[in-house]
All heavy atoms as atom14 arrays in JSON, in Angstrom:
{
  "sequence": "QESGIPISDNNKVKLLKSGREKFIDLFEAIREAKHHIHLEYFNF",
  "atom14_mask": [
    [1, 1, 1, 1, 1, 1, 1, 1, 1, 0, 0, 0, 0, 0],
    [1, 1, 1, 1, 1, 1, 1, 1, 1, 0, 0, 0, 0, 0],
    [1, 1, 1, 1, 1, 1, 0, 0, 0, 0, 0, 0, 0, 0],
    [1, 1, 1, 1, 0, 0, 0, 0, 0, 0, 0, 0, 0, 0],
    [1, 1, 1, 1, 1, 1, 1, 1, 0, 0, 0, 0, 0, 0],
    [1, 1, 1, 1, 1, 1, 1, 0, 0, 0, 0, 0, 0, 0],
    [1, 1, 1, 1, 1, 1, 1, 1, 0, 0, 0, 0, 0, 0],
    [1, 1, 1, 1, 1, 1, 0, 0, 0, 0, 0, 0, 0, 0],
    [1, 1, 1, 1, 1, 1, 1, 1, 0, 0, 0, 0, 0, 0],
    [1, 1, 1, 1, 1, 1, 1, 1, 0, 0, 0, 0, 0, 0],
    [1, 1, 1, 1, 1, 1, 1, 1, 0, 0, 0, 0, 0, 0],
    [1, 1, 1, 1, 1, 1, 1, 1, 1, 0, 0, 0, 0, 0],
    [1, 1, 1, 1, 1, 1, 1, 0, 0, 0, 0, 0, 0, 0],
    [1, 1, 1, 1, 1, 1, 1, 1, 1, 0, 0, 0, 0, 0],
    [1, 1, 1, 1, 1, 1, 1, 1, 0, 0, 0, 0, 0, 0],
    [1, 1, 1, 1, 1, 1, 1, 1, 0, 0, 0, 0, 0, 0],
    [1, 1, 1, 1, 1, 1, 1, 1, 1, 0, 0, 0, 0, 0],
    [1, 1, 1, 1, 1, 1, 0, 0, 0, 0, 0, 0, 0, 0],
    [1, 1, 1, 1, 0, 0, 0, 0, 0, 0, 0, 0, 0, 0],
    [1, 1, 1, 1, 1, 1, 1, 1, 1, 1, 1, 0, 0, 0],
    [1, 1, 1, 1, 1, 1, 1, 1, 1, 0, 0, 0, 0, 0],
    [1, 1, 1, 1, 1, 1, 1, 1, 1, 0, 0, 0, 0, 0],
    [1, 1, 1, 1, 1, 1, 1, 1, 1, 1, 1, 0, 0, 0],
    [1, 1, 1, 1, 1, 1, 1, 1, 0, 0, 0, 0, 0, 0],
    [1, 1, 1, 1, 1, 1, 1, 1, 0, 0, 0, 0, 0, 0],
    [1, 1, 1, 1, 1, 1, 1, 1, 0, 0, 0, 0, 0, 0],
    [1, 1, 1, 1, 1, 1, 1, 1, 1, 1, 1, 0, 0, 0],
    [1, 1, 1, 1, 1, 1, 1, 1, 1, 0, 0, 0, 0, 0],
    [1, 1, 1, 1, 1, 0, 0, 0, 0, 0, 0, 0, 0, 0],
    [1, 1, 1, 1, 1, 1, 1, 1, 0, 0, 0, 0, 0, 0],
    [1, 1, 1, 1, 1, 1, 1, 1, 1, 1, 1, 0, 0, 0],
    [1, 1, 1, 1, 1, 1, 1, 1, 1, 0, 0, 0, 0, 0],
    [1, 1, 1, 1, 1, 0, 0, 0, 0, 0, 0, 0, 0, 0],
    [1, 1, 1, 1, 1, 1, 1, 1, 1, 0, 0, 0, 0, 0],
    [1, 1, 1, 1, 1, 1, 1, 1, 1, 1, 0, 0, 0, 0],
    [1, 1, 1, 1, 1, 1, 1, 1, 1, 1, 0, 0, 0, 0],
    [1, 1, 1, 1, 1, 1, 1, 1, 0, 0, 0, 0, 0, 0],
    [1, 1, 1, 1, 1, 1, 1, 1, 1, 1, 0, 0, 0, 0],
    [1, 1, 1, 1, 1, 1, 1, 1, 0, 0, 0, 0, 0, 0],
    [1, 1, 1, 1, 1, 1, 1, 1, 1, 0, 0, 0, 0, 0],
    [1, 1, 1, 1, 1, 1, 1, 1, 1, 1, 1, 1, 0, 0],
    [1, 1, 1, 1, 1, 1, 1, 1, 1, 1, 1, 0, 0, 0],
    [1, 1, 1, 1, 1, 1, 1, 1, 0, 0, 0, 0, 0, 0],
    [1, 1, 1, 1, 1, 1, 1, 1, 1, 1, 1, 0, 0, 0]
  ],
  "atom14_positions": [
    [[-0.8, 167.45, 38.86], [-2.03, 168.18, 39.04], [-2.65, 168.75, 37.71], [-3.78, 168.59, 37.5], [-1.87, 169.33, 40.04], [-1.64, 168.8, 41.53], [-1.07, 169.89, 42.47], [-0.56, 170.86, 42.01], [-1.28, 169.69, 43.72], [0.0, 0.0, 0.0], [0.0, 0.0, 0.0], [0.0, 0.0, 0.0], [0.0, 0.0, 0.0], [0.0, 0.0, 0.0]],
    [[-1.76, 169.3, 36.93], [-2.18, 169.94, 35.66], [-2.68, 168.86, 34.78], [-3.39, 169.1, 33.84], [-0.97, 170.72, 35.11], [-0.6, 171.99, 35.83], [0.57, 172.74, 35.27], [1.19, 172.21, 34.4], [0.7, 173.83, 35.81], [0.0, 0.0, 0.0], [0.0, 0.0, 0.0], [0.0, 0.0, 0.0], [0.0, 0.0, 0.0], [0.0, 0.0, 0.0]],
    [[-2.17, 167.53, 34.85], [-2.52, 166.45, 34.05], [-3.84, 165.76, 34.51], [-4.21, 164.83, 33.82], [-1.38, 165.47, 33.96], [-0.18, 165.99, 33.43], [0.0, 0.0, 0.0], [0.0, 0.0, 0.0], [0.0, 0.0, 0.0], [0.0, 0.0, 0.0], [0.0, 0.0, 0.0], [0.0, 0.0, 0.0], [0.0, 0.0, 0.0], [0.0, 0.0, 0.0]],
    [[-4.42, 166.22, 35.52], [-5.59, 165.63, 36.06], [-5.4, 164.34, 36.88], [-6.33, 163.56, 37.04], [0.0, 0.0, 0.0], [0.0, 0.0, 0.0], [0.0, 0.0, 0.0], [0.0, 0.0, 0.0], [0.0, 0.0, 0.0], [0.0, 0.0, 0.0], [0.0, 0.0, 0.0], [0.0, 0.0, 0.0], [0.0, 0.0, 0.0], [0.0, 0.0, 0.0]],
    [[-4.15, 164.02, 37.3], [-3.9, 162.82, 38.06], [-4.2, 162.99, 39.58], [-3.72, 164.04, 40.09], [-2.47, 162.46, 37.79], [-2.29, 161.96, 36.43], [-2.04, 161.29, 38.8], [-0.87, 161.75, 35.93], [0.0, 0.0, 0.0], [0.0, 0.0, 0.0], [0.0, 0.0, 0.0], [0.0, 0.0, 0.0], [0.0, 0.0, 0.0], [0.0, 0.0, 0.0]],
    [[-4.99, 162.08, 40.14], [-5.43, 162.34, 41.64], [-4.24, 162.3, 42.47], [-3.44, 161.44, 42.44], [-6.33, 161.19, 41.75], [-6.03, 160.14, 40.85], [-5.53, 160.93, 39.46], [0.0, 0.0, 0.0], [0.0, 0.0, 0.0], [0.0, 0.0, 0.0], [0.0, 0.0, 0.0], [0.0, 0.0, 0.0], [0.0, 0.0, 0.0], [0.0, 0.0, 0.0]],
    [[-4.17, 163.31, 43.36], [-3.05, 163.28, 44.39], [-3.76, 163.51, 45.79], [-4.73, 164.22, 45.92], [-2.24, 164.52, 44.13], [-1.52, 164.46, 42.77], [-1.1, 164.6, 45.35], [-0.69, 165.65, 42.4], [0.0, 0.0, 0.0], [0.0, 0.0, 0.0], [0.0, 0.0, 0.0], [0.0, 0.0, 0.0], [0.0, 0.0, 0.0], [0.0, 0.0, 0.0]],
    [[-3.47, 162.72, 46.74], [-3.98, 162.82, 48.17], [-2.73, 162.76, 49.06], [-1.67, 162.34, 48.79], [-4.89, 161.57, 48.36], [-4.2, 160.34, 48.3], [0.0, 0.0, 0.0], [0.0, 0.0, 0.0], [0.0, 0.0, 0.0], [0.0, 0.0, 0.0], [0.0, 0.0, 0.0], [0.0, 0.0, 0.0], [0.0, 0.0, 0.0], [0.0, 0.0, 0.0]],
    [[-3.09, 163.58, 50.27], [-2.07, 163.74, 51.33], [-2.26, 163.08, 52.59], [-1.62, 163.41, 53.6], [-1.77, 165.24, 51.51], [-2.99, 165.95, 51.92], [-3.98, 165.3, 52.21], [-2.94, 167.17, 51.97], [0.0, 0.0, 0.0], [0.0, 0.0, 0.0], [0.0, 0.0, 0.0], [0.0, 0.0, 0.0], [0.0, 0.0, 0.0], [0.0, 0.0, 0.0]],
    [[-3.37, 162.17, 52.54], [-3.67, 161.57, 53.79], [-3.49, 159.99, 53.65], [-4.4, 159.23, 53.37], [-5.18, 161.79, 54.19], [-5.57, 161.06, 55.44], [-4.92, 161.23, 56.46], [-6.74, 160.48, 55.44], [0.0, 0.0, 0.0], [0.0, 0.0, 0.0], [0.0, 0.0, 0.0], [0.0, 0.0, 0.0], [0.0, 0.0, 0.0], [0.0, 0.0, 0.0]],
    [[-2.18, 159.62, 53.6], [-1.87, 158.19, 53.37], [-0.74, 157.73, 54.27], [0.07, 158.37, 54.73], [-1.35, 157.99, 51.91], [-2.41, 158.63, 50.91], [-3.52, 157.91, 50.7], [-2.11, 159.77, 50.36], [0.0, 0.0, 0.0], [0.0, 0.0, 0.0], [0.0, 0.0, 0.0], [0.0, 0.0, 0.0], [0.0, 0.0, 0.0], [0.0, 0.0, 0.0]],
    [[-0.69, 156.43, 54.46], [0.33, 155.69, 55.05], [0.68, 154.45, 54.24], [-0.01, 153.68, 53.77], [-0.24, 155.13, 56.51], [0.96, 154.41, 57.3], [0.54, 154.18, 58.71], [-0.72, 153.31, 58.83], [-1.14, 152.94, 60.25], [0.0, 0.0, 0.0], [0.0, 0.0, 0.0], [0.0, 0.0, 0.0], [0.0, 0.0, 0.0], [0.0, 0.0, 0.0]],
    [[2.11, 154.4, 54.08], [2.69, 153.47, 53.1], [3.69, 152.57, 53.9], [4.46, 153.06, 54.7], [3.47, 154.1, 51.98], [4.19, 153.09, 51.14], [2.45, 154.77, 51.06], [0.0, 0.0, 0.0], [0.0, 0.0, 0.0], [0.0, 0.0, 0.0], [0.0, 0.0, 0.0], [0.0, 0.0, 0.0], [0.0, 0.0, 0.0], [0.0, 0.0, 0.0]],
    [[3.73, 151.37, 53.48], [4.81, 150.4, 54.14], [5.26, 149.53, 52.93], [4.52, 149.09, 52.09], [4.16, 149.38, 55.16], [5.12, 148.4, 55.57], [4.63, 147.52, 56.84], [3.46, 146.77, 56.56], [2.94, 145.91, 57.72], [0.0, 0.0, 0.0], [0.0, 0.0, 0.0], [0.0, 0.0, 0.0], [0.0, 0.0, 0.0], [0.0, 0.0, 0.0]],
    [[6.62, 149.6, 52.79], [7.23, 148.89, 51.78], [7.37, 147.37, 52.12], [7.59, 147.09, 53.18], [8.67, 149.5, 51.53], [8.88, 150.87, 51.05], [10.33, 151.31, 50.97], [8.15, 151.1, 49.57], [0.0, 0.0, 0.0], [0.0, 0.0, 0.0], [0.0, 0.0, 0.0], [0.0, 0.0, 0.0], [0.0, 0.0, 0.0], [0.0, 0.0, 0.0]],
    [[7.0, 146.56, 51.18], [7.04, 145.07, 51.33], [8.26, 144.64, 50.34], [7.99, 144.58, 49.14], [5.91, 144.47, 50.98], [4.6, 145.04, 51.83], [3.28, 144.37, 51.33], [4.78, 144.7, 53.32], [0.0, 0.0, 0.0], [0.0, 0.0, 0.0], [0.0, 0.0, 0.0], [0.0, 0.0, 0.0], [0.0, 0.0, 0.0], [0.0, 0.0, 0.0]],
    [[9.31, 144.46, 50.86], [10.56, 144.3, 50.14], [10.89, 142.83, 49.54], [11.98, 142.59, 49.11], [11.78, 144.93, 50.88], [11.54, 146.3, 51.19], [12.64, 146.85, 52.26], [12.38, 148.09, 52.69], [13.4, 148.59, 53.7], [0.0, 0.0, 0.0], [0.0, 0.0, 0.0], [0.0, 0.0, 0.0], [0.0, 0.0, 0.0], [0.0, 0.0, 0.0]],
    [[9.99, 141.85, 49.88], [10.26, 140.6, 49.45], [8.87, 139.89, 49.29], [7.93, 140.32, 49.8], [11.11, 139.79, 50.38], [10.45, 139.51, 51.64], [0.0, 0.0, 0.0], [0.0, 0.0, 0.0], [0.0, 0.0, 0.0], [0.0, 0.0, 0.0], [0.0, 0.0, 0.0], [0.0, 0.0, 0.0], [0.0, 0.0, 0.0], [0.0, 0.0, 0.0]],
    [[8.93, 138.81, 48.47], [7.74, 138.07, 48.49], [7.16, 137.54, 49.74], [5.97, 137.5, 49.96], [0.0, 0.0, 0.0], [0.0, 0.0, 0.0], [0.0, 0.0, 0.0], [0.0, 0.0, 0.0], [0.0, 0.0, 0.0], [0.0, 0.0, 0.0], [0.0, 0.0, 0.0], [0.0, 0.0, 0.0], [0.0, 0.0, 0.0], [0.0, 0.0, 0.0]],
    [[8.14, 137.14, 50.61], [7.66, 136.55, 51.94], [6.92, 137.77, 52.72], [5.87, 137.52, 53.34], [8.85, 136.09, 52.74], [8.49, 135.41, 54.03], [9.72, 134.88, 54.69], [10.3, 133.74, 53.88], [9.85, 132.57, 53.69], [8.77, 132.23, 54.55], [10.4, 131.68, 52.9], [0.0, 0.0, 0.0], [0.0, 0.0, 0.0], [0.0, 0.0, 0.0]],
    [[7.49, 138.97, 52.67], [6.95, 140.03, 53.44], [5.48, 140.34, 52.75], [4.49, 140.62, 53.57], [7.68, 141.34, 53.28], [9.04, 141.34, 54.18], [9.71, 142.6, 54.16], [9.09, 143.65, 53.96], [10.89, 142.54, 54.33], [0.0, 0.0, 0.0], [0.0, 0.0, 0.0], [0.0, 0.0, 0.0], [0.0, 0.0, 0.0], [0.0, 0.0, 0.0]],
    [[5.43, 140.42, 51.5], [4.23, 140.64, 50.81], [3.04, 139.57, 51.12], [1.99, 140.0, 51.58], [4.38, 140.74, 49.33], [3.05, 141.05, 48.52], [2.58, 139.88, 47.59], [1.25, 140.27, 47.09], [1.08, 140.02, 45.54], [0.0, 0.0, 0.0], [0.0, 0.0, 0.0], [0.0, 0.0, 0.0], [0.0, 0.0, 0.0], [0.0, 0.0, 0.0]],
    [[3.34, 138.45, 51.03], [2.29, 137.42, 51.29], [1.93, 137.31, 52.78], [0.73, 137.04, 53.05], [2.76, 136.1, 50.77], [2.72, 136.12, 49.25], [3.9, 135.88, 48.54], [1.49, 136.3, 48.44], [3.89, 135.9, 47.03], [1.49, 136.33, 47.17], [2.66, 136.06, 46.4], [0.0, 0.0, 0.0], [0.0, 0.0, 0.0], [0.0, 0.0, 0.0]],
    [[2.83, 137.55, 53.61], [2.51, 137.48, 55.11], [1.59, 138.65, 55.43], [0.56, 138.47, 56.03], [3.72, 137.59, 55.9], [4.53, 136.31, 55.91], [3.44, 137.91, 57.47], [5.83, 136.38, 56.58], [0.0, 0.0, 0.0], [0.0, 0.0, 0.0], [0.0, 0.0, 0.0], [0.0, 0.0, 0.0], [0.0, 0.0, 0.0], [0.0, 0.0, 0.0]],
    [[1.9, 139.74, 54.8], [1.05, 141.06, 55.05], [-0.31, 140.92, 54.4], [-1.37, 141.2, 55.09], [1.78, 142.35, 54.46], [1.28, 143.48, 55.14], [0.21, 143.88, 54.87], [2.17, 144.12, 55.98], [0.0, 0.0, 0.0], [0.0, 0.0, 0.0], [0.0, 0.0, 0.0], [0.0, 0.0, 0.0], [0.0, 0.0, 0.0], [0.0, 0.0, 0.0]],
    [[-0.32, 140.48, 53.17], [-1.54, 140.32, 52.42], [-2.55, 139.28, 53.1], [-3.69, 139.61, 53.35], [-1.28, 139.84, 51.02], [-2.51, 139.58, 50.06], [-3.46, 140.93, 49.94], [-2.1, 139.0, 48.8], [0.0, 0.0, 0.0], [0.0, 0.0, 0.0], [0.0, 0.0, 0.0], [0.0, 0.0, 0.0], [0.0, 0.0, 0.0], [0.0, 0.0, 0.0]],
    [[-1.95, 138.08, 53.49], [-2.7, 137.02, 54.1], [-3.25, 137.59, 55.48], [-4.48, 137.23, 55.79], [-2.0, 135.79, 54.25], [-1.96, 134.96, 53.04], [-1.7, 135.44, 51.83], [-2.09, 133.55, 53.09], [-1.52, 134.59, 50.7], [-2.04, 132.75, 52.07], [-1.76, 133.35, 50.79], [0.0, 0.0, 0.0], [0.0, 0.0, 0.0], [0.0, 0.0, 0.0]],
    [[-2.59, 138.38, 56.13], [-3.0, 138.91, 57.46], [-4.23, 139.78, 57.27], [-5.16, 139.74, 58.0], [-1.92, 139.53, 58.28], [-2.29, 139.94, 59.6], [-2.88, 138.89, 60.48], [-2.38, 137.71, 60.45], [-3.71, 139.21, 61.32], [0.0, 0.0, 0.0], [0.0, 0.0, 0.0], [0.0, 0.0, 0.0], [0.0, 0.0, 0.0], [0.0, 0.0, 0.0]],
    [[-4.1, 140.62, 56.31], [-5.11, 141.56, 55.93], [-6.38, 140.84, 55.43], [-7.57, 141.25, 55.88], [-4.74, 142.48, 54.83], [0.0, 0.0, 0.0], [0.0, 0.0, 0.0], [0.0, 0.0, 0.0], [0.0, 0.0, 0.0], [0.0, 0.0, 0.0], [0.0, 0.0, 0.0], [0.0, 0.0, 0.0], [0.0, 0.0, 0.0], [0.0, 0.0, 0.0]],
    [[-6.27, 139.81, 54.75], [-7.41, 139.0, 54.27], [-8.07, 138.29, 55.42], [-9.39, 138.25, 55.52], [-6.98, 137.94, 53.18], [-6.6, 138.7, 51.98], [-8.14, 136.99, 52.99], [-5.93, 137.89, 50.85], [0.0, 0.0, 0.0], [0.0, 0.0, 0.0], [0.0, 0.0, 0.0], [0.0, 0.0, 0.0], [0.0, 0.0, 0.0], [0.0, 0.0, 0.0]],
    [[-7.35, 137.81, 56.39], [-7.87, 137.26, 57.6], [-8.76, 138.24, 58.35], [-9.8, 137.7, 58.98], [-6.77, 136.59, 58.46], [-6.09, 135.44, 57.88], [-5.12, 134.84, 58.83], [-4.31, 133.69, 58.31], [-3.09, 134.03, 57.85], [-2.59, 135.09, 57.95], [-2.49, 132.94, 57.3], [0.0, 0.0, 0.0], [0.0, 0.0, 0.0], [0.0, 0.0, 0.0]],
    [[-8.43, 139.36, 58.28], [-9.16, 140.39, 58.97], [-10.32, 141.04, 58.33], [-11.04, 141.78, 58.88], [-8.14, 141.6, 59.48], [-7.04, 141.28, 60.39], [-7.56, 140.67, 61.76], [-8.49, 141.3, 62.29], [-6.96, 139.7, 62.21], [0.0, 0.0, 0.0], [0.0, 0.0, 0.0], [0.0, 0.0, 0.0], [0.0, 0.0, 0.0], [0.0, 0.0, 0.0]],
    [[-10.44, 140.61, 57.04], [-11.55, 141.18, 56.18], [-12.96, 140.92, 56.74], [-13.26, 139.79, 57.31], [-11.46, 140.58, 54.86], [0.0, 0.0, 0.0], [0.0, 0.0, 0.0], [0.0, 0.0, 0.0], [0.0, 0.0, 0.0], [0.0, 0.0, 0.0], [0.0, 0.0, 0.0], [0.0, 0.0, 0.0], [0.0, 0.0, 0.0], [0.0, 0.0, 0.0]],
    [[-13.79, 141.86, 56.71], [-15.22, 141.83, 57.19], [-16.26, 141.95, 56.14], [-17.4, 141.4, 56.26], [-15.48, 142.89, 58.29], [-14.5, 142.79, 59.52], [-14.75, 141.63, 60.27], [-13.98, 141.54, 61.63], [-12.5, 141.56, 61.47], [0.0, 0.0, 0.0], [0.0, 0.0, 0.0], [0.0, 0.0, 0.0], [0.0, 0.0, 0.0], [0.0, 0.0, 0.0]],
    [[-15.92, 142.73, 55.03], [-17.02, 142.93, 54.02], [-16.62, 142.46, 52.58], [-17.3, 141.7, 51.97], [-17.25, 144.5, 54.0], [-18.37, 144.83, 52.96], [-18.12, 145.27, 51.69], [-19.7, 144.77, 53.06], [-19.27, 145.46, 51.01], [-20.22, 145.2, 51.8], [0.0, 0.0, 0.0], [0.0, 0.0, 0.0], [0.0, 0.0, 0.0], [0.0, 0.0, 0.0]],
    [[-15.4, 142.8, 52.12], [-15.0, 142.4, 50.79], [-13.51, 142.31, 50.62], [-12.79, 142.88, 51.26], [-15.55, 143.4, 49.66], [-15.07, 144.72, 49.77], [-15.6, 145.73, 50.5], [-13.91, 145.31, 49.17], [-14.82, 146.89, 50.47], [-13.81, 146.62, 49.6], [0.0, 0.0, 0.0], [0.0, 0.0, 0.0], [0.0, 0.0, 0.0], [0.0, 0.0, 0.0]],
    [[-13.16, 141.43, 49.62], [-11.82, 141.31, 49.3], [-11.79, 141.3, 47.71], [-12.47, 140.67, 46.97], [-11.27, 139.85, 49.68], [-11.33, 139.82, 51.14], [-9.79, 139.65, 49.14], [-11.07, 138.32, 51.66], [0.0, 0.0, 0.0], [0.0, 0.0, 0.0], [0.0, 0.0, 0.0], [0.0, 0.0, 0.0], [0.0, 0.0, 0.0], [0.0, 0.0, 0.0]],
    [[-10.96, 142.23, 47.23], [-10.92, 142.43, 45.63], [-9.38, 142.1, 45.29], [-8.56, 142.65, 45.81], [-11.28, 143.83, 45.34], [-12.76, 144.03, 45.47], [-13.37, 145.36, 45.64], [-13.78, 143.25, 45.56], [-14.62, 145.23, 45.84], [-15.01, 143.97, 45.79], [0.0, 0.0, 0.0], [0.0, 0.0, 0.0], [0.0, 0.0, 0.0], [0.0, 0.0, 0.0]],
    [[-9.28, 141.27, 44.2], [-8.0, 140.98, 43.76], [-7.87, 141.05, 42.36], [-8.7, 140.5, 41.61], [-7.65, 139.48, 44.21], [-7.66, 139.1, 45.71], [-7.44, 137.69, 45.85], [-6.64, 139.92, 46.53], [0.0, 0.0, 0.0], [0.0, 0.0, 0.0], [0.0, 0.0, 0.0], [0.0, 0.0, 0.0], [0.0, 0.0, 0.0], [0.0, 0.0, 0.0]],
    [[-6.86, 141.76, 41.69], [-6.69, 142.03, 40.28], [-5.23, 141.7, 39.97], [-4.36, 142.48, 40.43], [-7.2, 143.39, 39.87], [-6.87, 143.66, 38.45], [-7.31, 145.04, 37.86], [-8.0, 145.81, 38.86], [-7.06, 145.43, 36.81], [0.0, 0.0, 0.0], [0.0, 0.0, 0.0], [0.0, 0.0, 0.0], [0.0, 0.0, 0.0], [0.0, 0.0, 0.0]],
    [[-4.98, 140.57, 39.39], [-3.55, 140.25, 39.05], [-3.43, 139.79, 37.7], [-4.31, 139.35, 36.93], [-3.17, 139.11, 39.97], [-2.9, 139.46, 41.35], [-3.77, 139.45, 42.35], [-1.54, 139.96, 41.65], [-3.5, 139.94, 43.67], [-1.31, 140.21, 42.91], [-2.17, 140.25, 44.03], [-1.81, 140.56, 45.24], [0.0, 0.0, 0.0], [0.0, 0.0, 0.0]],
    [[-2.24, 140.07, 37.04], [-1.8, 139.48, 35.77], [-2.06, 137.97, 35.69], [-2.46, 137.51, 34.78], [-0.36, 139.99, 35.43], [0.02, 139.61, 34.0], [-0.73, 140.14, 32.98], [1.09, 138.92, 33.75], [-0.35, 139.81, 31.59], [1.53, 138.58, 32.37], [0.79, 139.06, 31.35], [0.0, 0.0, 0.0], [0.0, 0.0, 0.0], [0.0, 0.0, 0.0]],
    [[-1.62, 137.33, 36.76], [-1.87, 135.86, 36.77], [-1.92, 135.37, 38.2], [-1.14, 135.88, 39.16], [-0.78, 135.02, 35.93], [0.57, 135.15, 36.43], [0.96, 134.79, 37.49], [1.4, 135.64, 35.49], [0.0, 0.0, 0.0], [0.0, 0.0, 0.0], [0.0, 0.0, 0.0], [0.0, 0.0, 0.0], [0.0, 0.0, 0.0], [0.0, 0.0, 0.0]],
    [[-2.53, 134.23, 38.42], [-2.5, 133.4, 39.68], [-1.91, 132.13, 39.2], [-2.49, 131.25, 38.61], [-3.84, 133.07, 40.28], [-4.63, 134.32, 40.85], [-5.32, 135.0, 39.97], [-4.52, 134.58, 42.13], [-6.09, 136.16, 40.43], [-5.33, 135.72, 42.57], [-6.05, 136.5, 41.73], [0.0, 0.0, 0.0], [0.0, 0.0, 0.0], [0.0, 0.0, 0.0]]
  ]
}
């Protein structure tokens, strides 16, 4: 807080503990997209 880093207390987190879990979850969210999809990666 003193460093000016944003903190919020209204969040829900799910751990994705493997590549399979990550891509299944990400692809499902993309399929449900209605307005925009934003992707920023070191590499594809």
